[in-house]
Amino acid sequence: MKQILFTASLLCITQFAFSQNNAGNFGLGTRNTVSLFNDDEKAGTGIVGQFRIQFSDRVNSEWYFDYITSKNQPYTFRNDYHIGWSVMLYPKNNFDFDHLLQPYIIVGHCFDYSKVIALKDKSNAADRLSMATQAGVGTHININSKLDCSFSGQYMLHFGEELETSVDEGSVVIEKLPNTHPDGHLLFTVSFNYKFFKLWNN
């Protein structure tokens, strides 16, 4: 009996996730990012790309790579690399791409590599690996059924070692501090995305 109930539940979930009109959409896009409140208190900017796989009418996913640079004049510059994924949840009655505006809630996770380098001495540097969770809101602006421009704002919370810069008698000191508190910042993204084909549910 338990096996029958488990099989029936699995079939219902599969039916919900993979048999809806928008399920299976695969899209590619390019994204521009702005990161606020970094350790050096300067905004960072970047551009790379992403792809999307939609699991159901209400659930979409975004798999992305960010390269973000910032400067703390006149001492250091910083490079951040994000590799991660997000889930976009569309509210009820708002999953139809015929809508011009299509708001969503976005949550996700990423791995982060950061490096801080002294502007006047490239050998004076420190780097770290960390991971982060993020959450926020966004919206698609659907230009047509295939092409959209998307805006999102998220708070990204990093867990791991922290990079700290100080100036001691004119010398730049870059330190990697272990076991510190979580480090957060705001991340704003603008992207253009095109749905090329369906992976399933044709």
N, C-alpha and C. Protein backbone atom coordinates (compact mmCIF):
# COMPACT_ATOMS: atom_id res chain seq x y z
N MET A 1 0.83 -1.21 0.00
CA MET A 1 0.00 0.00 0.00
C MET A 1 0.86 1.26 0.00
N LYS A 2 1.91 1.25 0.83
CA LYS A 2 2.81 2.39 0.90
C LYS A 2 3.49 2.63 -0.45
N GLN A 3 3.87 1.53 -1.12
CA GLN A 3 4.51 1.66 -2.43
C GLN A 3 3.56 2.27 -3.45
N ILE A 4 2.27 1.87 -3.36
CA ILE A 4 1.27 2.43 -4.29
C ILE A 4 1.09 3.92 -4.05
N LEU A 5 1.01 4.33 -2.75
CA LEU A 5 0.85 5.75 -2.42
C LEU A 5 2.08 6.56 -2.86
N PHE A 6 3.27 5.97 -2.63
CA PHE A 6 4.49 6.66 -3.04
C PHE A 6 4.53 6.85 -4.55
N THR A 7 4.17 5.79 -5.30
CA THR A 7 4.17 5.86 -6.76
C THR A 7 3.15 6.88 -7.26
N ALA A 8 1.97 6.90 -6.65
CA ALA A 8 0.94 7.86 -7.04
C ALA A 8 1.38 9.29 -6.76
N SER A 9 2.02 9.51 -5.60
CA SER A 9 2.51 10.86 -5.26
C SER A 9 3.58 11.30 -6.23
N LEU A 10 4.47 10.36 -6.58
CA LEU A 10 5.55 10.69 -7.51
C LEU A 10 4.99 11.05 -8.88
N LEU A 11 3.97 10.33 -9.32
CA LEU A 11 3.34 10.63 -10.61
C LEU A 11 2.67 11.99 -10.59
N CYS A 12 2.04 12.34 -9.46
CA CYS A 12 1.38 13.65 -9.36
C CYS A 12 2.40 14.78 -9.41
N ILE A 13 3.53 14.60 -8.69
CA ILE A 13 4.58 15.61 -8.71
C ILE A 13 5.17 15.75 -10.10
N THR A 14 5.42 14.62 -10.75
CA THR A 14 5.97 14.65 -12.10
C THR A 14 5.02 15.35 -13.06
N GLN A 15 3.71 15.05 -12.91
CA GLN A 15 2.71 15.67 -13.76
C GLN A 15 2.71 17.18 -13.57
N PHE A 16 2.81 17.64 -12.31
CA PHE A 16 2.81 19.08 -12.02
C PHE A 16 4.07 19.75 -12.54
N ALA A 17 5.22 19.08 -12.38
CA ALA A 17 6.48 19.74 -12.71
C ALA A 17 6.81 19.72 -14.18
N PHE A 18 6.42 18.67 -14.90
CA PHE A 18 6.93 18.49 -16.25
C PHE A 18 5.86 18.47 -17.34
N SER A 19 4.60 18.69 -17.01
CA SER A 19 3.56 18.58 -18.02
C SER A 19 2.74 19.86 -18.17
N GLN A 20 3.34 21.00 -17.86
CA GLN A 20 2.66 22.27 -17.99
C GLN A 20 3.18 23.00 -19.23
N ASN A 21 2.45 24.03 -19.62
CA ASN A 21 2.73 24.68 -20.91
C ASN A 21 4.15 25.21 -21.02
N ASN A 22 4.68 25.79 -19.93
CA ASN A 22 5.99 26.42 -20.00
C ASN A 22 7.12 25.53 -19.50
N ALA A 23 6.79 24.33 -19.03
CA ALA A 23 7.83 23.43 -18.54
C ALA A 23 8.77 23.03 -19.68
N GLY A 24 10.06 22.98 -19.36
CA GLY A 24 11.05 22.56 -20.34
C GLY A 24 11.71 23.68 -21.10
N ASN A 25 11.27 24.93 -20.94
CA ASN A 25 11.89 26.04 -21.66
C ASN A 25 13.37 26.16 -21.31
N PHE A 26 14.21 26.29 -22.33
CA PHE A 26 15.64 26.51 -22.13
C PHE A 26 16.01 27.84 -22.76
N GLY A 27 16.63 28.72 -21.98
CA GLY A 27 17.02 30.03 -22.49
C GLY A 27 18.43 30.40 -22.12
N LEU A 28 19.02 31.26 -22.92
CA LEU A 28 20.35 31.82 -22.67
C LEU A 28 20.24 33.32 -22.53
N GLY A 29 21.15 33.91 -21.73
CA GLY A 29 21.11 35.35 -21.55
C GLY A 29 22.45 35.93 -21.14
N THR A 30 22.53 37.24 -21.22
CA THR A 30 23.68 37.98 -20.72
C THR A 30 23.21 38.87 -19.59
N ARG A 31 24.05 39.05 -18.56
CA ARG A 31 23.63 39.78 -17.37
C ARG A 31 24.66 40.81 -16.96
N ASN A 32 24.17 41.96 -16.51
CA ASN A 32 24.98 43.01 -15.93
C ASN A 32 24.66 43.09 -14.44
N THR A 33 25.68 43.16 -13.60
CA THR A 33 25.47 43.17 -12.16
C THR A 33 26.12 44.39 -11.52
N VAL A 34 25.50 44.86 -10.44
CA VAL A 34 26.06 45.91 -9.59
C VAL A 34 26.01 45.40 -8.17
N SER A 35 27.18 45.38 -7.51
CA SER A 35 27.29 44.89 -6.14
C SER A 35 27.57 46.08 -5.23
N LEU A 36 26.73 46.27 -4.20
CA LEU A 36 26.87 47.39 -3.27
C LEU A 36 27.33 46.91 -1.90
N PHE A 37 28.02 47.79 -1.20
CA PHE A 37 28.47 47.55 0.16
C PHE A 37 29.45 46.38 0.24
N ASN A 38 30.45 46.38 -0.65
CA ASN A 38 31.55 45.43 -0.52
C ASN A 38 32.40 45.79 0.69
N ASP A 39 33.40 44.95 0.99
CA ASP A 39 34.29 45.24 2.12
C ASP A 39 34.99 46.58 1.97
N ASP A 40 35.31 46.94 0.73
CA ASP A 40 36.01 48.20 0.49
C ASP A 40 35.05 49.37 0.32
N GLU A 41 33.75 49.13 0.53
CA GLU A 41 32.71 50.16 0.51
C GLU A 41 32.58 50.84 -0.84
N LYS A 42 33.00 50.18 -1.89
CA LYS A 42 32.85 50.70 -3.24
C LYS A 42 31.95 49.77 -4.04
N ALA A 43 31.16 50.34 -4.93
CA ALA A 43 30.30 49.52 -5.77
C ALA A 43 31.13 48.75 -6.78
N GLY A 44 30.77 47.51 -7.01
CA GLY A 44 31.42 46.70 -8.03
C GLY A 44 30.47 46.47 -9.18
N THR A 45 31.01 46.35 -10.38
CA THR A 45 30.19 46.11 -11.57
C THR A 45 30.75 44.92 -12.35
N GLY A 46 29.86 44.26 -13.09
CA GLY A 46 30.32 43.12 -13.86
C GLY A 46 29.33 42.72 -14.93
N ILE A 47 29.80 41.88 -15.84
CA ILE A 47 28.95 41.35 -16.91
C ILE A 47 29.45 39.96 -17.29
N VAL A 48 28.55 39.00 -17.35
CA VAL A 48 28.89 37.68 -17.92
C VAL A 48 27.60 37.08 -18.47
N GLY A 49 27.12 35.95 -17.94
CA GLY A 49 25.97 35.31 -18.57
C GLY A 49 25.29 34.29 -17.69
N GLN A 50 24.23 33.68 -18.25
CA GLN A 50 23.42 32.72 -17.53
C GLN A 50 22.61 31.88 -18.49
N PHE A 51 22.05 30.78 -17.98
CA PHE A 51 21.04 30.07 -18.73
C PHE A 51 19.91 29.70 -17.78
N ARG A 52 18.73 29.47 -18.35
CA ARG A 52 17.54 29.15 -17.56
C ARG A 52 16.94 27.83 -18.01
N ILE A 53 16.46 27.08 -17.04
CA ILE A 53 15.69 25.86 -17.29
C ILE A 53 14.42 25.97 -16.47
N GLN A 54 13.27 25.93 -17.13
CA GLN A 54 11.99 26.07 -16.44
C GLN A 54 11.40 24.70 -16.15
N PHE A 55 11.03 24.46 -14.87
CA PHE A 55 10.53 23.16 -14.45
C PHE A 55 9.02 23.06 -14.48
N SER A 56 8.33 24.18 -14.32
CA SER A 56 6.88 24.19 -14.38
C SER A 56 6.42 25.61 -14.68
N ASP A 57 5.11 25.81 -14.80
CA ASP A 57 4.60 27.15 -15.06
C ASP A 57 5.04 28.14 -13.99
N ARG A 58 5.10 27.69 -12.75
CA ARG A 58 5.40 28.59 -11.64
C ARG A 58 6.83 28.56 -11.16
N VAL A 59 7.63 27.61 -11.61
CA VAL A 59 9.00 27.44 -11.11
C VAL A 59 9.99 27.48 -12.26
N ASN A 60 10.88 28.48 -12.21
CA ASN A 60 11.95 28.61 -13.19
C ASN A 60 13.28 28.56 -12.44
N SER A 61 14.36 28.27 -13.14
CA SER A 61 15.68 28.26 -12.51
C SER A 61 16.66 29.03 -13.37
N GLU A 62 17.65 29.61 -12.70
CA GLU A 62 18.65 30.44 -13.37
C GLU A 62 20.03 29.97 -12.90
N TRP A 63 20.90 29.66 -13.85
CA TRP A 63 22.25 29.17 -13.56
C TRP A 63 23.23 30.18 -14.15
N TYR A 64 24.07 30.78 -13.32
CA TYR A 64 24.77 31.99 -13.75
C TYR A 64 26.26 31.99 -13.36
N PHE A 65 26.98 32.89 -14.05
CA PHE A 65 28.38 33.17 -13.72
C PHE A 65 28.55 34.68 -13.75
N ASP A 66 29.08 35.25 -12.65
CA ASP A 66 29.34 36.68 -12.55
C ASP A 66 30.83 36.94 -12.39
N TYR A 67 31.32 37.97 -13.05
CA TYR A 67 32.68 38.48 -12.82
C TYR A 67 32.53 39.96 -12.45
N ILE A 68 32.84 40.30 -11.20
CA ILE A 68 32.58 41.64 -10.68
C ILE A 68 33.90 42.27 -10.24
N THR A 69 34.13 43.51 -10.65
CA THR A 69 35.34 44.23 -10.27
C THR A 69 34.98 45.50 -9.52
N SER A 70 35.83 45.89 -8.57
CA SER A 70 35.65 47.13 -7.83
C SER A 70 37.02 47.66 -7.41
N LYS A 71 37.09 48.96 -7.10
CA LYS A 71 38.34 49.59 -6.68
C LYS A 71 38.15 50.37 -5.40
N ASN A 72 39.16 50.34 -4.56
CA ASN A 72 39.23 51.16 -3.36
C ASN A 72 40.41 52.12 -3.54
N GLN A 73 40.16 53.18 -4.33
CA GLN A 73 41.24 54.12 -4.65
C GLN A 73 41.75 54.78 -3.38
N PRO A 74 43.07 55.00 -3.30
CA PRO A 74 44.11 54.63 -4.27
C PRO A 74 44.88 53.39 -3.85
N TYR A 75 44.21 52.46 -3.15
CA TYR A 75 44.94 51.38 -2.51
C TYR A 75 44.82 50.03 -3.22
N THR A 76 43.60 49.56 -3.45
CA THR A 76 43.43 48.18 -3.92
C THR A 76 42.34 48.10 -4.99
N PHE A 77 42.32 46.97 -5.71
CA PHE A 77 41.17 46.60 -6.53
C PHE A 77 40.80 45.16 -6.19
N ARG A 78 39.55 44.83 -6.48
CA ARG A 78 39.01 43.54 -6.06
C ARG A 78 38.28 42.87 -7.21
N ASN A 79 38.47 41.55 -7.36
CA ASN A 79 37.75 40.75 -8.34
C ASN A 79 36.94 39.69 -7.60
N ASP A 80 35.65 39.58 -7.97
CA ASP A 80 34.77 38.57 -7.40
C ASP A 80 34.21 37.71 -8.53
N TYR A 81 34.20 36.39 -8.31
CA TYR A 81 33.64 35.44 -9.27
C TYR A 81 32.53 34.67 -8.57
N HIS A 82 31.32 34.73 -9.11
CA HIS A 82 30.18 33.98 -8.58
C HIS A 82 29.79 32.89 -9.57
N ILE A 83 29.66 31.67 -9.09
CA ILE A 83 29.08 30.57 -9.86
C ILE A 83 27.94 30.02 -9.04
N GLY A 84 26.71 30.11 -9.56
CA GLY A 84 25.60 29.69 -8.72
C GLY A 84 24.31 29.46 -9.48
N TRP A 85 23.26 29.28 -8.72
CA TRP A 85 21.95 28.99 -9.27
C TRP A 85 20.89 29.67 -8.42
N SER A 86 19.76 29.95 -9.02
CA SER A 86 18.63 30.55 -8.32
C SER A 86 17.34 29.89 -8.79
N VAL A 87 16.35 29.89 -7.92
CA VAL A 87 15.00 29.45 -8.26
C VAL A 87 14.09 30.67 -8.28
N MET A 88 13.33 30.83 -9.35
CA MET A 88 12.38 31.92 -9.47
C MET A 88 10.97 31.37 -9.33
N LEU A 89 10.22 31.92 -8.40
CA LEU A 89 8.87 31.47 -8.10
C LEU A 89 7.87 32.53 -8.56
N TYR A 90 6.98 32.17 -9.49
CA TYR A 90 5.99 33.11 -10.01
C TYR A 90 4.71 33.02 -9.18
N PRO A 91 4.13 34.17 -8.79
CA PRO A 91 2.88 34.14 -8.02
C PRO A 91 1.75 33.50 -8.82
N LYS A 92 0.68 33.17 -8.11
CA LYS A 92 -0.49 32.57 -8.74
C LYS A 92 -1.06 33.49 -9.82
N ASN A 93 -1.45 32.88 -10.93
CA ASN A 93 -2.05 33.60 -12.07
C ASN A 93 -1.08 34.59 -12.72
N ASN A 94 0.22 34.39 -12.49
CA ASN A 94 1.19 35.30 -13.09
C ASN A 94 2.31 34.55 -13.80
N PHE A 95 2.04 33.31 -14.21
CA PHE A 95 3.07 32.52 -14.84
C PHE A 95 2.98 32.54 -16.36
N ASP A 96 2.04 33.31 -16.91
CA ASP A 96 1.85 33.36 -18.36
C ASP A 96 2.78 34.39 -18.97
N PHE A 97 3.60 33.99 -19.95
CA PHE A 97 4.55 34.90 -20.56
C PHE A 97 3.89 35.91 -21.49
N ASP A 98 2.56 35.86 -21.61
CA ASP A 98 1.84 36.88 -22.35
C ASP A 98 1.75 38.18 -21.56
N HIS A 99 1.99 38.13 -20.24
CA HIS A 99 1.99 39.34 -19.43
C HIS A 99 3.22 40.18 -19.77
N LEU A 100 3.05 41.50 -19.83
CA LEU A 100 4.21 42.38 -20.05
C LEU A 100 5.14 42.33 -18.86
N LEU A 101 4.59 42.48 -17.66
CA LEU A 101 5.37 42.40 -16.43
C LEU A 101 5.08 41.07 -15.75
N GLN A 102 6.14 40.38 -15.34
CA GLN A 102 5.99 39.07 -14.72
C GLN A 102 6.87 39.01 -13.46
N PRO A 103 6.37 39.52 -12.32
CA PRO A 103 7.17 39.53 -11.08
C PRO A 103 7.46 38.13 -10.57
N TYR A 104 8.53 38.03 -9.79
CA TYR A 104 8.88 36.75 -9.19
C TYR A 104 9.67 36.95 -7.90
N ILE A 105 9.65 35.93 -7.07
CA ILE A 105 10.52 35.84 -5.90
C ILE A 105 11.70 34.98 -6.28
N ILE A 106 12.89 35.39 -5.88
CA ILE A 106 14.10 34.65 -6.28
C ILE A 106 14.93 34.29 -5.05
N VAL A 107 15.34 33.03 -4.96
CA VAL A 107 16.21 32.55 -3.89
C VAL A 107 17.27 31.65 -4.51
N GLY A 108 18.45 31.59 -3.89
CA GLY A 108 19.48 30.74 -4.50
C GLY A 108 20.73 30.60 -3.65
N HIS A 109 21.76 30.07 -4.30
CA HIS A 109 23.02 29.74 -3.64
C HIS A 109 24.14 29.89 -4.66
N CYS A 110 25.33 30.27 -4.19
CA CYS A 110 26.46 30.35 -5.12
C CYS A 110 27.77 30.08 -4.39
N PHE A 111 28.79 29.77 -5.17
CA PHE A 111 30.16 29.68 -4.69
C PHE A 111 30.89 30.93 -5.19
N ASP A 112 31.78 31.44 -4.35
CA ASP A 112 32.39 32.75 -4.61
C ASP A 112 33.90 32.64 -4.43
N TYR A 113 34.64 33.20 -5.41
CA TYR A 113 36.08 33.36 -5.28
C TYR A 113 36.39 34.85 -5.36
N SER A 114 37.09 35.37 -4.35
CA SER A 114 37.41 36.80 -4.29
C SER A 114 38.91 37.00 -4.16
N LYS A 115 39.42 38.06 -4.79
CA LYS A 115 40.84 38.39 -4.68
C LYS A 115 40.99 39.90 -4.59
N VAL A 116 41.76 40.36 -3.60
CA VAL A 116 42.06 41.78 -3.42
C VAL A 116 43.55 41.98 -3.68
N ILE A 117 43.87 42.97 -4.53
CA ILE A 117 45.24 43.19 -4.99
C ILE A 117 45.58 44.67 -4.81
N ALA A 118 46.79 44.94 -4.31
CA ALA A 118 47.25 46.32 -4.16
C ALA A 118 47.49 46.94 -5.53
N LEU A 119 47.03 48.17 -5.72
CA LEU A 119 47.16 48.82 -7.02
C LEU A 119 48.63 49.06 -7.41
N LYS A 120 49.48 49.37 -6.43
CA LYS A 120 50.86 49.72 -6.73
C LYS A 120 51.83 48.56 -6.57
N ASP A 121 51.31 47.40 -6.13
CA ASP A 121 52.18 46.23 -5.96
C ASP A 121 51.34 44.97 -6.15
N LYS A 122 51.34 44.44 -7.37
CA LYS A 122 50.47 43.30 -7.69
C LYS A 122 50.81 42.04 -6.90
N SER A 123 52.03 41.97 -6.34
CA SER A 123 52.40 40.81 -5.54
C SER A 123 51.78 40.86 -4.15
N ASN A 124 51.30 42.02 -3.75
CA ASN A 124 50.63 42.19 -2.46
C ASN A 124 49.15 41.91 -2.67
N ALA A 125 48.73 40.68 -2.34
CA ALA A 125 47.36 40.26 -2.63
C ALA A 125 46.93 39.16 -1.66
N ALA A 126 45.62 38.97 -1.58
CA ALA A 126 45.06 37.87 -0.80
C ALA A 126 43.76 37.44 -1.47
N ASP A 127 43.42 36.16 -1.32
CA ASP A 127 42.19 35.66 -1.93
C ASP A 127 41.45 34.75 -0.96
N ARG A 128 40.21 34.42 -1.30
CA ARG A 128 39.41 33.55 -0.47
C ARG A 128 38.39 32.80 -1.31
N LEU A 129 37.97 31.66 -0.81
CA LEU A 129 36.83 30.92 -1.34
C LEU A 129 35.72 30.96 -0.29
N SER A 130 34.51 31.17 -0.72
CA SER A 130 33.39 31.18 0.20
C SER A 130 32.14 30.71 -0.53
N MET A 131 31.06 30.59 0.19
CA MET A 131 29.78 30.31 -0.45
C MET A 131 28.76 31.29 0.11
N ALA A 132 27.65 31.42 -0.60
CA ALA A 132 26.67 32.43 -0.22
C ALA A 132 25.26 31.93 -0.52
N THR A 133 24.31 32.49 0.21
CA THR A 133 22.90 32.34 -0.12
C THR A 133 22.35 33.72 -0.45
N GLN A 134 21.34 33.76 -1.30
CA GLN A 134 20.77 35.05 -1.66
C GLN A 134 19.27 34.93 -1.83
N ALA A 135 18.58 36.05 -1.64
CA ALA A 135 17.12 36.09 -1.80
C ALA A 135 16.71 37.51 -2.15
N GLY A 136 15.63 37.62 -2.92
CA GLY A 136 15.14 38.93 -3.29
C GLY A 136 13.92 38.84 -4.19
N VAL A 137 13.70 39.89 -4.96
CA VAL A 137 12.55 39.96 -5.86
C VAL A 137 13.02 40.47 -7.21
N GLY A 138 12.21 40.22 -8.23
CA GLY A 138 12.54 40.69 -9.57
C GLY A 138 11.32 40.67 -10.46
N THR A 139 11.52 41.04 -11.71
CA THR A 139 10.45 40.97 -12.68
C THR A 139 11.02 40.80 -14.08
N HIS A 140 10.32 40.04 -14.91
CA HIS A 140 10.60 40.01 -16.34
C HIS A 140 9.80 41.13 -17.01
N ILE A 141 10.38 41.75 -17.99
CA ILE A 141 9.64 42.57 -18.93
C ILE A 141 9.63 41.78 -20.23
N ASN A 142 8.48 41.16 -20.56
CA ASN A 142 8.38 40.27 -21.70
C ASN A 142 8.20 41.07 -22.98
N ILE A 143 9.28 41.15 -23.76
CA ILE A 143 9.23 41.86 -25.03
C ILE A 143 8.36 41.09 -26.02
N ASN A 144 8.51 39.77 -26.02
CA ASN A 144 7.61 38.87 -26.75
C ASN A 144 7.65 37.53 -26.03
N SER A 145 7.07 36.49 -26.61
CA SER A 145 6.99 35.19 -25.93
C SER A 145 8.36 34.51 -25.79
N LYS A 146 9.36 34.97 -26.52
CA LYS A 146 10.69 34.36 -26.49
C LYS A 146 11.73 35.23 -25.77
N LEU A 147 11.60 36.55 -25.86
CA LEU A 147 12.63 37.48 -25.39
C LEU A 147 12.14 38.28 -24.20
N ASP A 148 12.98 38.38 -23.15
CA ASP A 148 12.62 39.21 -22.01
C ASP A 148 13.83 39.99 -21.51
N CYS A 149 13.56 41.09 -20.84
CA CYS A 149 14.54 41.84 -20.06
C CYS A 149 14.15 41.69 -18.61
N SER A 150 15.09 41.29 -17.77
CA SER A 150 14.76 40.99 -16.37
C SER A 150 15.56 41.86 -15.42
N PHE A 151 14.90 42.32 -14.35
CA PHE A 151 15.51 43.11 -13.29
C PHE A 151 15.32 42.38 -11.97
N SER A 152 16.37 42.32 -11.15
CA SER A 152 16.24 41.71 -9.83
C SER A 152 17.15 42.41 -8.83
N GLY A 153 16.73 42.39 -7.58
CA GLY A 153 17.55 42.88 -6.47
C GLY A 153 17.56 41.83 -5.39
N GLN A 154 18.77 41.49 -4.91
CA GLN A 154 18.91 40.43 -3.92
C GLN A 154 19.89 40.84 -2.84
N TYR A 155 19.70 40.27 -1.66
CA TYR A 155 20.72 40.40 -0.61
C TYR A 155 21.51 39.10 -0.59
N MET A 156 22.82 39.21 -0.73
CA MET A 156 23.70 38.04 -0.81
C MET A 156 24.53 37.96 0.47
N LEU A 157 24.41 36.84 1.16
CA LEU A 157 25.10 36.63 2.44
C LEU A 157 26.18 35.57 2.28
N HIS A 158 27.45 35.99 2.47
CA HIS A 158 28.60 35.09 2.29
C HIS A 158 29.02 34.47 3.62
N PHE A 159 29.46 33.23 3.55
CA PHE A 159 29.96 32.51 4.71
C PHE A 159 31.38 32.04 4.41
N GLY A 160 32.33 32.42 5.27
CA GLY A 160 33.72 32.01 5.04
C GLY A 160 34.69 33.06 5.52
N GLU A 161 35.92 32.92 5.10
CA GLU A 161 36.95 33.87 5.50
C GLU A 161 36.69 35.25 4.91
N GLU A 162 37.23 36.27 5.57
CA GLU A 162 36.99 37.65 5.17
C GLU A 162 38.31 38.31 4.76
N LEU A 163 38.25 39.12 3.71
CA LEU A 163 39.42 39.89 3.27
C LEU A 163 39.31 41.31 3.80
N GLU A 164 40.37 41.77 4.45
CA GLU A 164 40.36 43.10 5.06
C GLU A 164 41.59 43.89 4.63
N THR A 165 41.38 45.15 4.27
CA THR A 165 42.46 46.03 3.82
C THR A 165 42.67 47.15 4.83
N SER A 166 43.92 47.43 5.14
CA SER A 166 44.27 48.56 6.01
C SER A 166 45.54 49.20 5.50
N VAL A 167 45.83 50.41 5.97
CA VAL A 167 47.04 51.14 5.58
C VAL A 167 47.86 51.41 6.83
N ASP A 168 49.10 50.92 6.83
CA ASP A 168 49.99 51.05 7.99
C ASP A 168 51.23 51.82 7.56
N GLU A 169 51.35 53.07 7.99
CA GLU A 169 52.48 53.93 7.66
C GLU A 169 52.72 54.00 6.15
N GLY A 170 51.63 54.14 5.41
CA GLY A 170 51.73 54.27 3.95
C GLY A 170 51.76 52.96 3.20
N SER A 171 51.87 51.84 3.91
CA SER A 171 51.90 50.54 3.27
C SER A 171 50.52 49.88 3.33
N VAL A 172 50.12 49.29 2.22
CA VAL A 172 48.83 48.61 2.15
C VAL A 172 48.98 47.20 2.71
N VAL A 173 48.12 46.86 3.67
CA VAL A 173 48.14 45.54 4.28
C VAL A 173 46.82 44.85 3.94
N ILE A 174 46.90 43.69 3.28
CA ILE A 174 45.73 42.91 2.91
C ILE A 174 45.78 41.61 3.69
N GLU A 175 44.75 41.38 4.51
CA GLU A 175 44.73 40.21 5.37
C GLU A 175 43.52 39.33 5.08
N LYS A 176 43.72 38.04 5.26
CA LYS A 176 42.62 37.07 5.20
C LYS A 176 42.34 36.62 6.63
N LEU A 177 41.15 36.97 7.12
CA LEU A 177 40.79 36.69 8.51
C LEU A 177 39.92 35.44 8.58
N PRO A 178 40.36 34.41 9.32
CA PRO A 178 39.59 33.16 9.38
C PRO A 178 38.44 33.25 10.38
N ASN A 179 37.43 32.43 10.12
CA ASN A 179 36.32 32.23 11.07
C ASN A 179 35.68 33.53 11.52
N THR A 180 35.36 34.39 10.56
CA THR A 180 34.72 35.65 10.88
C THR A 180 33.22 35.55 10.67
N HIS A 181 32.51 36.63 10.97
CA HIS A 181 31.06 36.65 10.84
C HIS A 181 30.65 36.66 9.37
N PRO A 182 29.41 36.26 9.06
CA PRO A 182 28.92 36.32 7.67
C PRO A 182 29.00 37.73 7.11
N ASP A 183 29.30 37.82 5.83
CA ASP A 183 29.53 39.10 5.15
C ASP A 183 28.48 39.27 4.06
N GLY A 184 27.70 40.35 4.09
CA GLY A 184 26.61 40.51 3.14
C GLY A 184 26.72 41.75 2.29
N HIS A 185 26.03 41.73 1.16
CA HIS A 185 25.96 42.89 0.27
C HIS A 185 24.74 42.76 -0.63
N LEU A 186 24.35 43.88 -1.23
CA LEU A 186 23.25 43.90 -2.17
C LEU A 186 23.76 43.62 -3.58
N LEU A 187 22.97 42.90 -4.35
CA LEU A 187 23.33 42.58 -5.73
C LEU A 187 22.14 42.90 -6.63
N PHE A 188 22.34 43.80 -7.58
CA PHE A 188 21.31 44.16 -8.55
C PHE A 188 21.72 43.64 -9.92
N THR A 189 20.76 43.07 -10.63
CA THR A 189 21.04 42.43 -11.91
C THR A 189 20.05 42.88 -12.97
N VAL A 190 20.59 43.17 -14.16
CA VAL A 190 19.79 43.42 -15.35
C VAL A 190 20.23 42.42 -16.40
N SER A 191 19.29 41.69 -17.00
CA SER A 191 19.66 40.67 -17.98
C SER A 191 18.70 40.65 -19.15
N PHE A 192 19.22 40.18 -20.29
CA PHE A 192 18.40 39.91 -21.48
C PHE A 192 18.49 38.42 -21.77
N ASN A 193 17.33 37.80 -22.00
CA ASN A 193 17.27 36.34 -22.12
C ASN A 193 16.38 35.94 -23.29
N TYR A 194 16.80 34.86 -23.98
CA TYR A 194 16.03 34.37 -25.12
C TYR A 194 15.78 32.87 -24.94
N LYS A 195 14.52 32.48 -25.08
CA LYS A 195 14.16 31.06 -24.98
C LYS A 195 14.37 30.40 -26.34
N PHE A 196 15.32 29.49 -26.42
CA PHE A 196 15.70 28.88 -27.69
C PHE A 196 14.86 27.66 -28.04
N PHE A 197 14.61 26.79 -27.05
CA PHE A 197 13.88 25.56 -27.35
C PHE A 197 13.38 24.95 -26.06
N LYS A 198 12.61 23.86 -26.19
CA LYS A 198 12.15 23.09 -25.02
C LYS A 198 12.98 21.83 -24.87
N LEU A 199 13.38 21.56 -23.64
CA LEU A 199 14.11 20.32 -23.35
C LEU A 199 13.16 19.15 -23.24
N TRP A 200 11.91 19.42 -22.87
CA TRP A 200 10.88 18.39 -22.81
C TRP A 200 9.53 19.08 -22.97
N ASN A 201 8.47 18.30 -22.96
CA ASN A 201 7.10 18.82 -23.04
C ASN A 201 6.82 19.53 -24.35
N ASN A 202 7.39 19.04 -25.44
CA ASN A 202 7.12 19.63 -26.76
C ASN A 202 5.70 19.30 -27.20
